[in-house]
Protein backbone atom coordinates (compact mmCIF):
# COMPACT_ATOMS: atom_id res chain seq x y z
CA MET A 1 151.78 29.32 -124.22
CA LYS A 2 151.25 25.60 -123.64
CA ARG A 3 147.64 24.48 -123.84
CA ILE A 4 146.00 22.74 -120.89
CA ILE A 5 144.71 19.25 -121.76
CA LEU A 6 141.40 18.05 -120.33
CA ASN A 7 140.29 14.44 -120.79
CA LEU A 8 136.60 13.80 -121.40
CA LEU A 9 134.68 10.57 -120.74
CA CYS A 10 131.25 10.11 -122.34
CA VAL A 11 128.47 7.87 -121.00
CA ALA A 12 125.62 6.78 -123.27
CA SER A 13 122.88 4.16 -123.54
CA GLY A 14 121.52 4.38 -127.06
CA GLY A 15 122.36 5.03 -130.68
CA GLY A 16 125.14 7.42 -129.82
CA THR A 17 124.34 10.35 -132.11
CA ASP A 18 124.96 12.83 -129.30
CA PHE A 19 128.25 11.10 -128.50
CA GLU A 20 129.16 11.17 -132.19
CA SER A 21 128.67 14.94 -132.37
CA ILE A 22 131.34 15.34 -129.67
CA ALA A 23 133.67 12.69 -131.13
CA LYS A 24 133.39 14.21 -134.59
CA ALA A 25 134.27 17.65 -133.24
CA TYR A 26 137.23 16.08 -131.44
CA VAL A 27 138.75 14.44 -134.53
CA ARG A 28 138.15 17.64 -136.50
CA LYS A 29 140.16 19.51 -133.86
CA GLN A 30 137.21 21.72 -132.94
CA LEU A 31 137.53 21.10 -129.18
CA ILE A 32 140.55 23.36 -128.95
CA ASN A 33 141.40 27.02 -128.45
CA ASP A 34 144.46 29.08 -127.56
CA PHE A 35 144.29 28.09 -123.88
CA PHE A 36 143.07 24.50 -123.63
CA GLU A 37 141.95 21.46 -125.59
CA VAL A 38 139.61 18.60 -124.82
CA LYS A 39 140.47 15.00 -125.66
CA VAL A 40 137.74 12.35 -125.78
CA VAL A 41 139.38 9.45 -123.94
CA GLY A 42 136.56 6.96 -123.55
CA LEU A 43 132.94 5.92 -123.85
CA ILE A 44 130.95 3.82 -121.39
CA SER A 45 127.71 2.27 -122.59
CA THR A 46 125.21 1.24 -119.93
CA VAL A 47 123.48 -1.11 -122.41
CA VAL A 48 124.93 -4.16 -124.15
CA GLY A 49 124.92 -3.80 -127.93
CA ALA A 50 123.96 -0.12 -127.90
CA GLY A 51 124.57 1.72 -131.17
CA CYS A 52 127.02 4.10 -129.53
CA LEU A 53 129.52 1.24 -129.21
CA GLY A 54 129.77 0.96 -132.99
CA LYS A 55 130.52 4.66 -133.34
CA ALA A 56 133.38 4.84 -130.83
CA PRO A 57 136.05 3.00 -132.89
CA VAL A 58 135.25 5.14 -135.95
CA TYR A 59 136.67 8.09 -134.03
CA GLY A 60 139.48 6.23 -132.31
CA VAL A 61 137.74 6.27 -128.92
CA SER A 62 138.01 3.25 -126.63
CA SER A 63 134.77 1.92 -125.20
CA THR A 64 133.49 -0.43 -122.55
CA VAL A 65 130.12 -1.71 -121.31
CA VAL A 66 128.79 -1.52 -117.78
CA ASN A 67 125.41 -3.12 -118.38
CA ARG A 68 122.74 -1.82 -116.01
CA GLY A 69 120.77 -5.01 -116.57
CA ASP A 70 123.51 -7.08 -114.94
CA PHE A 71 122.96 -5.43 -111.56
CA GLU A 72 119.86 -6.04 -109.51
CA LYS A 73 120.69 -3.22 -107.11
CA LEU A 74 121.32 0.36 -108.22
CA LYS A 75 124.09 0.66 -105.63
CA ASP A 76 126.04 -2.23 -107.18
CA PHE A 77 125.73 -0.71 -110.66
CA LYS A 78 126.96 2.63 -109.36
CA PHE A 79 129.94 1.03 -107.64
CA GLU A 80 130.95 -0.64 -110.91
CA MET A 81 130.58 2.67 -112.78
CA ALA A 82 132.71 4.35 -110.14
CA LYS A 83 135.46 1.75 -110.67
CA TRP A 84 135.60 2.63 -114.35
CA TYR A 85 135.65 6.35 -113.59
CA HIS A 86 138.71 5.81 -111.40
CA ARG A 87 140.33 3.55 -113.99
CA ILE A 88 139.88 6.03 -116.86
CA ASN A 89 140.41 9.05 -114.59
CA PRO A 90 138.94 11.77 -116.83
CA ASP A 91 138.90 15.47 -116.01
CA PHE A 92 135.14 15.57 -116.61
CA ILE A 93 132.22 13.46 -117.81
CA PHE A 94 129.35 14.06 -120.23
CA LEU A 95 126.15 12.01 -120.08
CA VAL A 96 124.99 11.92 -123.69
CA GLY A 97 121.77 9.99 -124.05
CA CYS A 98 122.34 8.07 -120.82
CA LYS A 99 119.05 6.67 -119.53
CA HIS A 100 120.40 5.32 -116.23
CA PHE A 101 121.14 7.04 -112.94
CA VAL A 102 124.91 6.97 -112.49
CA PRO A 103 127.18 8.17 -109.67
CA VAL A 104 128.58 11.68 -109.79
CA HIS A 105 131.83 12.25 -107.93
CA GLU A 106 133.26 15.55 -106.75
CA VAL A 107 136.57 14.77 -108.48
CA TYR A 108 134.85 14.17 -111.83
CA PRO A 109 132.60 17.13 -112.74
CA THR A 110 129.66 15.74 -114.67
CA PHE A 111 127.36 17.33 -117.24
CA ASN A 112 124.21 16.15 -118.98
CA ILE A 113 122.15 17.13 -122.01
CA HIS A 114 118.38 17.14 -121.58
CA PRO A 115 116.17 17.51 -124.69
CA ALA A 116 113.73 19.99 -123.12
CA ASP A 117 113.36 22.46 -120.26
CA LYS A 118 114.78 20.41 -117.39
CA GLU A 119 112.66 22.09 -114.72
CA LYS A 120 109.31 21.64 -116.46
CA HIS A 121 110.05 18.46 -118.36
CA GLY A 122 112.83 16.77 -116.41
CA GLY A 123 113.09 14.42 -113.48
CA PHE A 124 112.73 10.73 -112.72
CA GLU A 125 112.27 8.56 -115.84
CA MET A 126 112.21 11.61 -118.12
CA VAL A 127 114.33 9.96 -120.81
CA GLY A 128 113.84 8.93 -124.41
CA LEU A 129 110.51 10.11 -125.82
CA VAL A 130 109.04 10.93 -122.41
CA PRO A 131 110.26 14.57 -122.16
CA HIS A 132 108.95 15.26 -125.67
CA ILE A 133 105.57 13.72 -124.78
CA HIS A 134 105.52 15.94 -121.70
CA VAL A 135 106.21 19.03 -123.84
CA LEU A 136 103.42 18.16 -126.23
CA GLU A 137 100.96 17.35 -123.46
CA GLU A 138 101.56 20.77 -121.94
CA ILE A 139 100.91 22.47 -125.30
CA ILE A 140 97.76 20.43 -125.96
CA ASP A 141 96.50 21.28 -122.48
CA ARG A 142 97.04 25.00 -123.13
CA LEU A 143 95.19 24.71 -126.43
CA LYS A 144 92.25 22.91 -124.81
CA ARG A 145 92.04 25.56 -122.08
CA LYS A 146 92.15 28.36 -124.70
CA LYS A 147 95.38 29.66 -123.22
CA ALA A 148 96.96 29.32 -126.66
CA CYS A 149 95.84 28.84 -130.26
CA LEU A 150 97.15 26.78 -133.13
CA SER A 151 98.51 29.85 -134.91
CA ASP A 152 100.88 30.53 -131.98
CA ARG A 153 104.56 29.65 -132.13
CA PHE A 154 105.68 26.95 -129.69
CA PHE A 155 109.22 26.21 -128.53
CA THR A 156 111.18 23.56 -126.68
CA TYR A 157 114.46 24.14 -124.84
CA PRO A 158 117.24 21.52 -124.98
CA THR A 159 119.62 22.17 -122.10
CA ILE A 160 123.16 21.24 -121.10
CA HIS A 161 123.60 21.38 -117.35
CA GLU A 162 125.78 20.35 -114.46
CA VAL A 163 124.81 17.18 -112.59
CA PRO A 164 124.79 17.50 -108.78
CA PHE A 165 127.23 15.42 -106.75
CA SER A 166 125.82 12.07 -105.58
CA ASP A 167 127.66 9.41 -103.64
CA VAL A 168 127.53 5.84 -104.93
CA ASN A 169 125.42 4.99 -101.88
CA ASP A 170 122.73 7.51 -102.81
CA THR A 171 119.60 5.85 -104.11
CA GLU A 172 117.36 8.91 -103.95
CA LYS A 173 118.57 12.07 -105.66
CA GLU A 174 117.10 14.87 -107.72
CA TYR A 175 117.16 14.02 -111.42
CA ASP A 176 118.07 16.70 -113.97
CA GLY A 177 119.25 19.08 -111.26
CA GLY A 178 122.29 21.34 -111.50
CA ALA A 179 123.01 24.72 -113.04
CA GLU A 180 122.49 25.26 -116.75
CA ILE A 181 125.57 26.03 -118.82
CA LEU A 182 123.91 26.19 -122.26
CA ARG A 183 120.27 26.40 -123.30
CA GLY A 184 118.82 26.27 -126.79
CA GLN A 185 115.49 27.48 -128.13
CA VAL A 186 113.99 25.27 -130.82
CA GLU A 187 110.73 26.11 -132.55
CA ILE A 188 108.40 23.13 -132.83
CA PRO A 189 107.11 22.61 -136.40
CA PRO A 190 103.44 23.69 -136.45
CA LYS A 191 102.38 20.51 -138.27
CA ILE A 192 103.49 18.37 -135.33
CA ILE A 193 101.26 20.41 -133.00
CA LYS A 194 98.32 20.49 -135.41
CA ASP A 195 98.41 16.76 -136.17
CA CYS A 196 98.77 15.88 -132.50
CA TYR A 197 95.92 18.21 -131.48
CA ALA A 198 93.67 16.84 -134.25
CA LYS A 199 94.62 13.28 -133.19
CA THR A 200 95.58 12.33 -136.75
CA ILE A 201 98.74 10.93 -135.14
CA THR A 202 99.25 9.61 -131.62
CA ILE A 203 101.13 11.68 -129.08
CA GLU A 204 103.90 9.05 -129.17
CA GLU A 205 104.22 9.49 -132.94
CA ALA A 206 104.27 13.27 -132.52
CA ALA A 207 106.93 12.96 -129.80
CA GLU A 208 109.09 10.84 -132.09
CA LYS A 209 108.85 13.50 -134.80
CA LEU A 210 109.73 16.17 -132.24
CA GLN A 211 112.69 14.15 -131.00
CA GLN A 212 114.05 13.83 -134.54
CA HIS A 213 113.56 17.56 -135.03
CA VAL A 214 115.42 18.47 -131.83
CA LEU A 215 118.36 16.07 -132.20
CA PRO A 216 120.27 18.11 -134.83
CA PHE A 217 120.13 21.11 -132.49
CA GLU A 218 121.58 18.94 -129.72
CA TRP A 219 124.41 17.93 -132.06
CA GLN A 220 125.18 21.59 -132.67
CA MET A 221 125.03 22.45 -128.97
CA LEU A 222 127.17 19.64 -127.58
CA PRO A 223 130.67 20.62 -128.83
CA THR A 224 130.05 24.16 -127.58
CA GLY A 225 128.73 22.80 -124.30
CA VAL A 226 131.85 20.66 -123.87
CA MET A 227 134.10 23.69 -124.34
CA MET A 228 132.00 25.79 -121.96
CA ALA A 229 132.13 23.03 -119.34
CA ALA A 230 135.90 22.71 -119.76
CA ARG A 231 136.33 26.45 -119.34
CA LYS A 232 134.20 26.42 -116.19
CA ILE A 233 136.31 23.62 -114.70
CA LEU A 234 139.54 25.52 -115.39
CA LEU A 235 138.10 28.75 -114.00
CA ASP A 236 136.96 26.94 -110.84
CA LYS A 237 140.50 25.57 -110.43
CA GLY A 238 142.02 29.00 -110.94
CA LEU A 239 143.85 27.85 -114.06
CA LEU A 240 142.22 30.48 -116.28
CA LYS A 241 141.55 34.14 -115.67
């Protein structure tokens, strides 16, 4: 039986460790099964000089820059992104550490990874350290209100989810919407909570420690999430049973 090939485009804005987890799985031939395989065909960085651009050639992936800072209007940035989508013509797109709002087209199913529960800690400007700060603030609030104690176990929930369709003309749209396709449960190291609660470190410092703790779980989740997304696309098209 001949495998179905699906081409994947990644969009990132930062260091590219999430992108690298997918690219590494690709070159190791881990994005493949008896029915289909995923090929990573490109990377778009929305920031000039972002670290992700240095990782792409290591894995034989072509890259380009559509710099958000070059566009005063969101609509113009989204039109330029859309041009590159059409030029590359992938079967689906993964936003992997993308901090900018990009267009999502019906012909290019799009997925995103969020480092926490996207309903409680997602939304507008919830990128970088902000979701982790939000997680910690919620825990500290529960501790202060005696709804929890320091001996409790606390968790955060990195999530891979679909991104709802949005036309390039949309300027207002729900952020971090869409159905979940994979959700992790990551226990937060107690020392991070204790130090943050005792104010021996700032909440920003605690969030940075939490981010570094969660990232390896994201790297484990992403190749699986890519394969689950690919399977969903093929099922929706009636190409798999």
